[in-house]
Amino acid sequence: MNNSDLADKLAAESGLSKADARKMVDAVFASIAQAAAAGQEISLNGFGKFKVKETAAREGRNPATGETIQIAASKKLTFAPAKAVKDKLNA
């Protein structure tokens, strides 16, 4: 499922136009991205939590040459599903 599919489903279930549904889907994901960029945790009851985690700088190896390289510190967005979602996945 992609953004368009999600917007189509939202439009069908809510009676919105497809254009309005697409704007809503885009706005929700933009809000999540903006909150994550600010370092906030996004908690959606019944769905799960998005958290920003930081990875430290570390040494790695180039698999082609075996040369040691430095991997910079970075941030990543993780998702932990709520119990209701886990139960649906494992039903």
PDB file of N, CA and C in Angstrom:
ATOM      1  N   MET A   1       0.850  -1.170   0.000  1.00  0.00           N
ATOM      2  CA  MET A   1       0.000   0.000   0.000  1.00  0.00           C
ATOM      3  C   MET A   1       0.897   1.235   0.000  1.00  0.00           C
ATOM      4  N   ASN A   2       0.593   2.189  -0.845  1.00  0.00           N
ATOM      5  CA  ASN A   2       1.341   3.444  -0.883  1.00  0.00           C
ATOM      6  C   ASN A   2       0.428   4.606  -0.490  1.00  0.00           C
ATOM      7  N   ASN A   3       0.944   5.830  -0.566  1.00  0.00           N
ATOM      8  CA  ASN A   3       0.170   7.011  -0.150  1.00  0.00           C
ATOM      9  C   ASN A   3      -1.134   7.143  -0.937  1.00  0.00           C
ATOM     10  N   SER A   4      -1.085   6.910  -2.233  1.00  0.00           N
ATOM     11  CA  SER A   4      -2.286   7.033  -3.060  1.00  0.00           C
ATOM     12  C   SER A   4      -3.326   5.996  -2.677  1.00  0.00           C
ATOM     13  N   ASP A   5      -2.890   4.766  -2.449  1.00  0.00           N
ATOM     14  CA  ASP A   5      -3.815   3.710  -2.029  1.00  0.00           C
ATOM     15  C   ASP A   5      -4.462   4.061  -0.686  1.00  0.00           C
ATOM     16  N   LEU A   6      -3.654   4.583   0.230  1.00  0.00           N
ATOM     17  CA  LEU A   6      -4.167   4.966   1.536  1.00  0.00           C
ATOM     18  C   LEU A   6      -5.180   6.108   1.401  1.00  0.00           C
ATOM     19  N   ALA A   7      -4.879   7.081   0.555  1.00  0.00           N
ATOM     20  CA  ALA A   7      -5.805   8.194   0.331  1.00  0.00           C
ATOM     21  C   ALA A   7      -7.099   7.707  -0.311  1.00  0.00           C
ATOM     22  N   ASP A   8      -7.002   6.785  -1.262  1.00  0.00           N
ATOM     23  CA  ASP A   8      -8.203   6.231  -1.903  1.00  0.00           C
ATOM     24  C   ASP A   8      -9.086   5.514  -0.885  1.00  0.00           C
ATOM     25  N   LYS A   9      -8.470   4.747  -0.003  1.00  0.00           N
ATOM     26  CA  LYS A   9      -9.222   4.026   1.030  1.00  0.00           C
ATOM     27  C   LYS A   9      -9.878   5.008   1.996  1.00  0.00           C
ATOM     28  N   LEU A  10      -9.148   6.040   2.388  1.00  0.00           N
ATOM     29  CA  LEU A  10      -9.693   7.065   3.275  1.00  0.00           C
ATOM     30  C   LEU A  10     -10.862   7.790   2.615  1.00  0.00           C
ATOM     31  N   ALA A  11     -10.732   8.108   1.337  1.00  0.00           N
ATOM     32  CA  ALA A  11     -11.805   8.785   0.608  1.00  0.00           C
ATOM     33  C   ALA A  11     -13.047   7.907   0.542  1.00  0.00           C
ATOM     34  N   ALA A  12     -12.869   6.628   0.273  1.00  0.00           N
ATOM     35  CA  ALA A  12     -13.999   5.707   0.148  1.00  0.00           C
ATOM     36  C   ALA A  12     -14.721   5.529   1.487  1.00  0.00           C
ATOM     37  N   GLU A  13     -13.956   5.477   2.580  1.00  0.00           N
ATOM     38  CA  GLU A  13     -14.561   5.225   3.888  1.00  0.00           C
ATOM     39  C   GLU A  13     -15.137   6.472   4.545  1.00  0.00           C
ATOM     40  N   SER A  14     -14.661   7.657   4.143  1.00  0.00           N
ATOM     41  CA  SER A  14     -15.098   8.871   4.837  1.00  0.00           C
ATOM     42  C   SER A  14     -15.979   9.780   3.991  1.00  0.00           C
ATOM     43  N   GLY A  15     -16.061   9.516   2.695  1.00  0.00           N
ATOM     44  CA  GLY A  15     -16.862  10.363   1.826  1.00  0.00           C
ATOM     45  C   GLY A  15     -16.139  11.615   1.359  1.00  0.00           C
ATOM     46  N   LEU A  16     -14.850  11.728   1.660  1.00  0.00           N
ATOM     47  CA  LEU A  16     -14.055  12.854   1.177  1.00  0.00           C
ATOM     48  C   LEU A  16     -13.727  12.667  -0.296  1.00  0.00           C
ATOM     49  N   SER A  17     -13.358  13.750  -0.949  1.00  0.00           N
ATOM     50  CA  SER A  17     -12.860  13.614  -2.323  1.00  0.00           C
ATOM     51  C   SER A  17     -11.460  13.007  -2.246  1.00  0.00           C
ATOM     52  N   LYS A  18     -11.014  12.404  -3.337  1.00  0.00           N
ATOM     53  CA  LYS A  18      -9.683  11.795  -3.347  1.00  0.00           C
ATOM     54  C   LYS A  18      -8.601  12.853  -3.133  1.00  0.00           C
ATOM     55  N   ALA A  19      -8.802  14.050  -3.676  1.00  0.00           N
ATOM     56  CA  ALA A  19      -7.817  15.122  -3.515  1.00  0.00           C
ATOM     57  C   ALA A  19      -7.710  15.553  -2.049  1.00  0.00           C
ATOM     58  N   ASP A  20      -8.854  15.697  -1.378  1.00  0.00           N
ATOM     59  CA  ASP A  20      -8.844  16.078   0.037  1.00  0.00           C
ATOM     60  C   ASP A  20      -8.237  14.977   0.894  1.00  0.00           C
ATOM     61  N   ALA A  21      -8.540  13.734   0.578  1.00  0.00           N
ATOM     62  CA  ALA A  21      -7.977  12.610   1.321  1.00  0.00           C
ATOM     63  C   ALA A  21      -6.465  12.563   1.150  1.00  0.00           C
ATOM     64  N   ARG A  22      -5.987  12.828  -0.060  1.00  0.00           N
ATOM     65  CA  ARG A  22      -4.536  12.826  -0.314  1.00  0.00           C
ATOM     66  C   ARG A  22      -3.864  13.942   0.486  1.00  0.00           C
ATOM     67  N   LYS A  23      -4.507  15.111   0.568  1.00  0.00           N
ATOM     68  CA  LYS A  23      -3.955  16.218   1.359  1.00  0.00           C
ATOM     69  C   LYS A  23      -3.869  15.829   2.829  1.00  0.00           C
ATOM     70  N   MET A  24      -4.874  15.124   3.318  1.00  0.00           N
ATOM     71  CA  MET A  24      -4.873  14.699   4.721  1.00  0.00           C
ATOM     72  C   MET A  24      -3.762  13.683   4.996  1.00  0.00           C
ATOM     73  N   VAL A  25      -3.609  12.728   4.107  1.00  0.00           N
ATOM     74  CA  VAL A  25      -2.553  11.714   4.267  1.00  0.00           C
ATOM     75  C   VAL A  25      -1.185  12.389   4.257  1.00  0.00           C
ATOM     76  N   ASP A  26      -0.973  13.288   3.302  1.00  0.00           N
ATOM     77  CA  ASP A  26       0.304  13.997   3.216  1.00  0.00           C
ATOM     78  C   ASP A  26       0.557  14.842   4.461  1.00  0.00           C
ATOM     79  N   ALA A  27      -0.489  15.480   4.984  1.00  0.00           N
ATOM     80  CA  ALA A  27      -0.349  16.316   6.176  1.00  0.00           C
ATOM     81  C   ALA A  27       0.012  15.486   7.399  1.00  0.00           C
ATOM     82  N   VAL A  28      -0.589  14.305   7.525  1.00  0.00           N
ATOM     83  CA  VAL A  28      -0.283  13.439   8.670  1.00  0.00           C
ATOM     84  C   VAL A  28       1.186  13.012   8.626  1.00  0.00           C
ATOM     85  N   PHE A  29       1.649  12.566   7.473  1.00  0.00           N
ATOM     86  CA  PHE A  29       3.042  12.118   7.382  1.00  0.00           C
ATOM     87  C   PHE A  29       4.019  13.276   7.521  1.00  0.00           C
ATOM     88  N   ALA A  30       3.672  14.455   7.030  1.00  0.00           N
ATOM     89  CA  ALA A  30       4.531  15.630   7.199  1.00  0.00           C
ATOM     90  C   ALA A  30       4.630  16.006   8.676  1.00  0.00           C
ATOM     91  N   SER A  31       3.524  15.900   9.401  1.00  0.00           N
ATOM     92  CA  SER A  31       3.527  16.209  10.829  1.00  0.00           C
ATOM     93  C   SER A  31       4.380  15.211  11.607  1.00  0.00           C
ATOM     94  N   ILE A  32       4.292  13.948  11.250  1.00  0.00           N
ATOM     95  CA  ILE A  32       5.115  12.925  11.901  1.00  0.00           C
ATOM     96  C   ILE A  32       6.589  13.191  11.634  1.00  0.00           C
ATOM     97  N   ALA A  33       6.936  13.492  10.391  1.00  0.00           N
ATOM     98  CA  ALA A  33       8.332  13.766  10.035  1.00  0.00           C
ATOM     99  C   ALA A  33       8.853  15.008  10.747  1.00  0.00           C
ATOM    100  N   GLN A  34       8.032  16.034  10.838  1.00  0.00           N
ATOM    101  CA  GLN A  34       8.431  17.269  11.511  1.00  0.00           C
ATOM    102  C   GLN A  34       8.674  17.030  12.999  1.00  0.00           C
ATOM    103  N   ALA A  35       7.798  16.283  13.650  1.00  0.00           N
ATOM    104  CA  ALA A  35       7.973  15.972  15.067  1.00  0.00           C
ATOM    105  C   ALA A  35       9.226  15.123  15.283  1.00  0.00           C
ATOM    106  N   ALA A  36       9.463  14.163  14.403  1.00  0.00           N
ATOM    107  CA  ALA A  36      10.651  13.311  14.527  1.00  0.00           C
ATOM    108  C   ALA A  36      11.920  14.133  14.336  1.00  0.00           C
ATOM    109  N   ALA A  37      11.904  15.070  13.388  1.00  0.00           N
ATOM    110  CA  ALA A  37      13.074  15.919  13.153  1.00  0.00           C
ATOM    111  C   ALA A  37      13.379  16.783  14.372  1.00  0.00           C
ATOM    112  N   ALA A  38      12.338  17.104  15.144  1.00  0.00           N
ATOM    113  CA  ALA A  38      12.523  17.886  16.369  1.00  0.00           C
ATOM    114  C   ALA A  38      12.917  17.006  17.550  1.00  0.00           C
ATOM    115  N   GLY A  39      13.038  15.701  17.324  1.00  0.00           N
ATOM    116  CA  GLY A  39      13.457  14.775  18.374  1.00  0.00           C
ATOM    117  C   GLY A  39      12.333  14.294  19.263  1.00  0.00           C
ATOM    118  N   GLN A  40      11.095  14.541  18.864  1.00  0.00           N
ATOM    119  CA  GLN A  40       9.959  14.138  19.680  1.00  0.00           C
ATOM    120  C   GLN A  40       9.558  12.692  19.400  1.00  0.00           C
ATOM    121  N   GLU A  41       8.965  12.059  20.412  1.00  0.00           N
ATOM    122  CA  GLU A  41       8.390  10.726  20.242  1.00  0.00           C
ATOM    123  C   GLU A  41       6.950  10.901  19.780  1.00  0.00           C
ATOM    124  N   ILE A  42       6.554  10.127  18.793  1.00  0.00           N
ATOM    125  CA  ILE A  42       5.196  10.192  18.258  1.00  0.00           C
ATOM    126  C   ILE A  42       4.479   8.925  18.694  1.00  0.00           C
ATOM    127  N   SER A  43       3.441   9.089  19.511  1.00  0.00           N
ATOM    128  CA  SER A  43       2.699   7.953  20.039  1.00  0.00           C
ATOM    129  C   SER A  43       1.283   7.985  19.491  1.00  0.00           C
ATOM    130  N   LEU A  44       0.904   6.963  18.748  1.00  0.00           N
ATOM    131  CA  LEU A  44      -0.426   6.852  18.166  1.00  0.00           C
ATOM    132  C   LEU A  44      -1.138   5.694  18.859  1.00  0.00           C
ATOM    133  N   ASN A  45      -2.073   6.024  19.743  1.00  0.00           N
ATOM    134  CA  ASN A  45      -2.761   5.000  20.537  1.00  0.00           C
ATOM    135  C   ASN A  45      -3.389   3.936  19.643  1.00  0.00           C
ATOM    136  N   GLY A  46      -3.149   2.691  19.995  1.00  0.00           N
ATOM    137  CA  GLY A  46      -3.691   1.574  19.242  1.00  0.00           C
ATOM    138  C   GLY A  46      -2.893   1.218  18.008  1.00  0.00           C
ATOM    139  N   PHE A  47      -1.881   2.025  17.661  1.00  0.00           N
ATOM    140  CA  PHE A  47      -1.068   1.745  16.466  1.00  0.00           C
ATOM    141  C   PHE A  47       0.387   1.511  16.821  1.00  0.00           C
ATOM    142  N   GLY A  48       1.002   2.452  17.544  1.00  0.00           N
ATOM    143  CA  GLY A  48       2.386   2.266  17.943  1.00  0.00           C
ATOM    144  C   GLY A  48       3.095   3.575  18.199  1.00  0.00           C
ATOM    145  N   LYS A  49       4.420   3.483  18.379  1.00  0.00           N
ATOM    146  CA  LYS A  49       5.248   4.648  18.680  1.00  0.00           C
ATOM    147  C   LYS A  49       6.392   4.759  17.690  1.00  0.00           C
ATOM    148  N   PHE A  50       6.640   5.987  17.251  1.00  0.00           N
ATOM    149  CA  PHE A  50       7.823   6.300  16.467  1.00  0.00           C
ATOM    150  C   PHE A  50       8.795   7.004  17.407  1.00  0.00           C
ATOM    151  N   LYS A  51      10.048   6.558  17.428  1.00  0.00           N
ATOM    152  CA  LYS A  51      11.073   7.158  18.278  1.00  0.00           C
ATOM    153  C   LYS A  51      12.314   7.449  17.445  1.00  0.00           C
ATOM    154  N   VAL A  52      13.011   8.515  17.812  1.00  0.00           N
ATOM    155  CA  VAL A  52      14.280   8.844  17.172  1.00  0.00           C
ATOM    156  C   VAL A  52      15.386   8.241  18.025  1.00  0.00           C
ATOM    157  N   LYS A  53      16.240   7.450  17.413  1.00  0.00           N
ATOM    158  CA  LYS A  53      17.374   6.856  18.118  1.00  0.00           C
ATOM    159  C   LYS A  53      18.658   7.334  17.459  1.00  0.00           C
ATOM    160  N   GLU A  54      19.652   7.561  18.284  1.00  0.00           N
ATOM    161  CA  GLU A  54      20.940   8.006  17.780  1.00  0.00           C
ATOM    162  C   GLU A  54      21.916   6.839  17.776  1.00  0.00           C
ATOM    163  N   THR A  55      22.675   6.730  16.680  1.00  0.00           N
ATOM    164  CA  THR A  55      23.729   5.725  16.614  1.00  0.00           C
ATOM    165  C   THR A  55      25.067   6.446  16.714  1.00  0.00           C
ATOM    166  N   ALA A  56      25.969   5.897  17.467  1.00  0.00           N
ATOM    167  CA  ALA A  56      27.277   6.508  17.678  1.00  0.00           C
ATOM    168  C   ALA A  56      28.165   6.296  16.453  1.00  0.00           C
ATOM    169  N   ALA A  57      29.181   7.134  16.325  1.00  0.00           N
ATOM    170  CA  ALA A  57      30.170   6.939  15.270  1.00  0.00           C
ATOM    171  C   ALA A  57      30.914   5.634  15.563  1.00  0.00           C
ATOM    172  N   ARG A  58      31.296   4.962  14.508  1.00  0.00           N
ATOM    173  CA  ARG A  58      31.975   3.685  14.703  1.00  0.00           C
ATOM    174  C   ARG A  58      32.880   3.378  13.518  1.00  0.00           C
ATOM    175  N   GLU A  59      33.703   2.360  13.712  1.00  0.00           N
ATOM    176  CA  GLU A  59      34.579   1.896  12.645  1.00  0.00           C
ATOM    177  C   GLU A  59      33.924   0.748  11.915  1.00  0.00           C
ATOM    178  N   GLY A  60      34.074   0.733  10.614  1.00  0.00           N
ATOM    179  CA  GLY A  60      33.553  -0.363   9.819  1.00  0.00           C
ATOM    180  C   GLY A  60      34.586  -0.805   8.803  1.00  0.00           C
ATOM    181  N   ARG A  61      34.228  -1.744   7.988  1.00  0.00           N
ATOM    182  CA  ARG A  61      35.135  -2.229   6.953  1.00  0.00           C
ATOM    183  C   ARG A  61      34.439  -2.208   5.607  1.00  0.00           C
ATOM    184  N   ASN A  62      35.182  -1.805   4.593  1.00  0.00           N
ATOM    185  CA  ASN A  62      34.699  -1.878   3.224  1.00  0.00           C
ATOM    186  C   ASN A  62      34.771  -3.348   2.824  1.00  0.00           C
ATOM    187  N   PRO A  63      33.650  -3.985   2.513  1.00  0.00           N
ATOM    188  CA  PRO A  63      33.676  -5.418   2.227  1.00  0.00           C
ATOM    189  C   PRO A  63      34.450  -5.759   0.951  1.00  0.00           C
ATOM    190  N   ALA A  64      34.550  -4.827   0.025  1.00  0.00           N
ATOM    191  CA  ALA A  64      35.260  -5.113  -1.220  1.00  0.00           C
ATOM    192  C   ALA A  64      36.774  -5.097  -1.033  1.00  0.00           C
ATOM    193  N   THR A  65      37.280  -4.149  -0.222  1.00  0.00           N
ATOM    194  CA  THR A  65      38.726  -3.999  -0.081  1.00  0.00           C
ATOM    195  C   THR A  65      39.253  -4.406   1.284  1.00  0.00           C
ATOM    196  N   GLY A  66      38.370  -4.500   2.277  1.00  0.00           N
ATOM    197  CA  GLY A  66      38.802  -4.808   3.625  1.00  0.00           C
ATOM    198  C   GLY A  66      39.361  -3.598   4.349  1.00  0.00           C
ATOM    199  N   GLU A  67      39.354  -2.440   3.695  1.00  0.00           N
ATOM    200  CA  GLU A  67      39.882  -1.214   4.273  1.00  0.00           C
ATOM    201  C   GLU A  67      38.985  -0.729   5.416  1.00  0.00           C
ATOM    202  N   THR A  68      39.612  -0.227   6.488  1.00  0.00           N
ATOM    203  CA  THR A  68      38.866   0.324   7.617  1.00  0.00           C
ATOM    204  C   THR A  68      38.328   1.696   7.239  1.00  0.00           C
ATOM    205  N   ILE A  69      37.053   1.932   7.565  1.00  0.00           N
ATOM    206  CA  ILE A  69      36.438   3.230   7.282  1.00  0.00           C
ATOM    207  C   ILE A  69      35.734   3.735   8.529  1.00  0.00           C
ATOM    208  N   GLN A  70      35.506   5.033   8.592  1.00  0.00           N
ATOM    209  CA  GLN A  70      34.775   5.630   9.696  1.00  0.00           C
ATOM    210  C   GLN A  70      33.320   5.815   9.283  1.00  0.00           C
ATOM    211  N   ILE A  71      32.415   5.337  10.106  1.00  0.00           N
ATOM    212  CA  ILE A  71      30.986   5.510   9.867  1.00  0.00           C
ATOM    213  C   ILE A  71      30.517   6.606  10.825  1.00  0.00           C
ATOM    214  N   ALA A  72      29.945   7.663  10.272  1.00  0.00           N
ATOM    215  CA  ALA A  72      29.553   8.824  11.068  1.00  0.00           C
ATOM    216  C   ALA A  72      28.355   8.497  11.970  1.00  0.00           C
ATOM    217  N   ALA A  73      28.236   9.255  13.038  1.00  0.00           N
ATOM    218  CA  ALA A  73      27.062   9.147  13.912  1.00  0.00           C
ATOM    219  C   ALA A  73      25.841   9.602  13.122  1.00  0.00           C
ATOM    220  N   SER A  74      24.696   9.015  13.420  1.00  0.00           N
ATOM    221  CA  SER A  74      23.482   9.398  12.702  1.00  0.00           C
ATOM    222  C   SER A  74      22.262   9.145  13.583  1.00  0.00           C
ATOM    223  N   LYS A  75      21.133   9.620  13.094  1.00  0.00           N
ATOM    224  CA  LYS A  75      19.863   9.391  13.774  1.00  0.00           C
ATOM    225  C   LYS A  75      18.995   8.525  12.876  1.00  0.00           C
ATOM    226  N   LYS A  76      18.165   7.690  13.509  1.00  0.00           N
ATOM    227  CA  LYS A  76      17.240   6.877  12.726  1.00  0.00           C
ATOM    228  C   LYS A  76      15.894   6.868  13.420  1.00  0.00           C
ATOM    229  N   LEU A  77      14.856   6.647  12.639  1.00  0.00           N
ATOM    230  CA  LEU A  77      13.496   6.603  13.155  1.00  0.00           C
ATOM    231  C   LEU A  77      13.100   5.141  13.307  1.00  0.00           C
ATOM    232  N   THR A  78      12.701   4.771  14.514  1.00  0.00           N
ATOM    233  CA  THR A  78      12.273   3.394  14.766  1.00  0.00           C
ATOM    234  C   THR A  78      10.779   3.373  15.064  1.00  0.00           C
ATOM    235  N   PHE A  79      10.180   2.228  14.862  1.00  0.00           N
ATOM    236  CA  PHE A  79       8.758   2.061  15.126  1.00  0.00           C
ATOM    237  C   PHE A  79       8.551   0.836  15.991  1.00  0.00           C
ATOM    238  N   ALA A  80       7.752   1.007  17.037  1.00  0.00           N
ATOM    239  CA  ALA A  80       7.377  -0.109  17.902  1.00  0.00           C
ATOM    240  C   ALA A  80       5.856  -0.231  17.840  1.00  0.00           C
ATOM    241  N   PRO A  81       5.339  -1.317  17.279  1.00  0.00           N
ATOM    242  CA  PRO A  81       3.887  -1.458  17.159  1.00  0.00           C
ATOM    243  C   PRO A  81       3.216  -1.662  18.513  1.00  0.00           C
ATOM    244  N   ALA A  82       1.967  -1.210  18.600  1.00  0.00           N
ATOM    245  CA  ALA A  82       1.162  -1.409  19.807  1.00  0.00           C
ATOM    246  C   ALA A  82       0.715  -2.867  19.883  1.00  0.00           C
ATOM    247  N   LYS A  83       0.265  -3.268  21.045  1.00  0.00           N
ATOM    248  CA  LYS A  83      -0.159  -4.653  21.250  1.00  0.00           C
ATOM    249  C   LYS A  83      -1.274  -5.045  20.280  1.00  0.00           C
ATOM    250  N   ALA A  84      -2.210  -4.144  20.009  1.00  0.00           N
ATOM    251  CA  ALA A  84      -3.315  -4.449  19.094  1.00  0.00           C
ATOM    252  C   ALA A  84      -2.795  -4.776  17.697  1.00  0.00           C
ATOM    253  N   VAL A  85      -1.779  -4.057  17.251  1.00  0.00           N
ATOM    254  CA  VAL A  85      -1.196  -4.312  15.924  1.00  0.00           C
ATOM    255  C   VAL A  85      -0.449  -5.639  15.936  1.00  0.00           C
ATOM    256  N   LYS A  86       0.316  -5.896  16.998  1.00  0.00           N
ATOM    257  CA  LYS A  86       1.030  -7.167  17.098  1.00  0.00           C
ATOM    258  C   LYS A  86       0.051  -8.346  17.070  1.00  0.00           C
ATOM    259  N   ASP A  87      -1.057  -8.190  17.786  1.00  0.00           N
ATOM    260  CA  ASP A  87      -2.055  -9.254  17.836  1.00  0.00           C
ATOM    261  C   ASP A  87      -2.644  -9.505  16.447  1.00  0.00           C
ATOM    262  N   LYS A  88      -2.898  -8.447  15.666  1.00  0.00           N
ATOM    263  CA  LYS A  88      -3.439  -8.620  14.304  1.00  0.00           C
ATOM    264  C   LYS A  88      -2.422  -9.329  13.406  1.00  0.00           C
ATOM    265  N   LEU A  89      -1.152  -8.999  13.572  1.00  0.00           N
ATOM    266  CA  LEU A  89      -0.110  -9.617  12.753  1.00  0.00           C
ATOM    267  C   LEU A  89       0.031 -11.102  13.040  1.00  0.00           C
ATOM    268  N   ASN A  90      -0.182 -11.473  14.289  1.00  0.00           N
ATOM    269  CA  ASN A  90       0.055 -12.852  14.723  1.00  0.00           C
ATOM    270  C   ASN A  90      -1.228 -13.646  14.907  1.00  0.00           C
ATOM    271  N   ALA A  91      -2.327 -13.147  14.383  1.00  0.00           N
ATOM    272  CA  ALA A  91      -3.614 -13.853  14.543  1.00  0.00           C
ATOM    273  C   ALA A  91      -3.743 -15.008  13.573  1.00  0.00           C
TER     274      ALA A  91
END
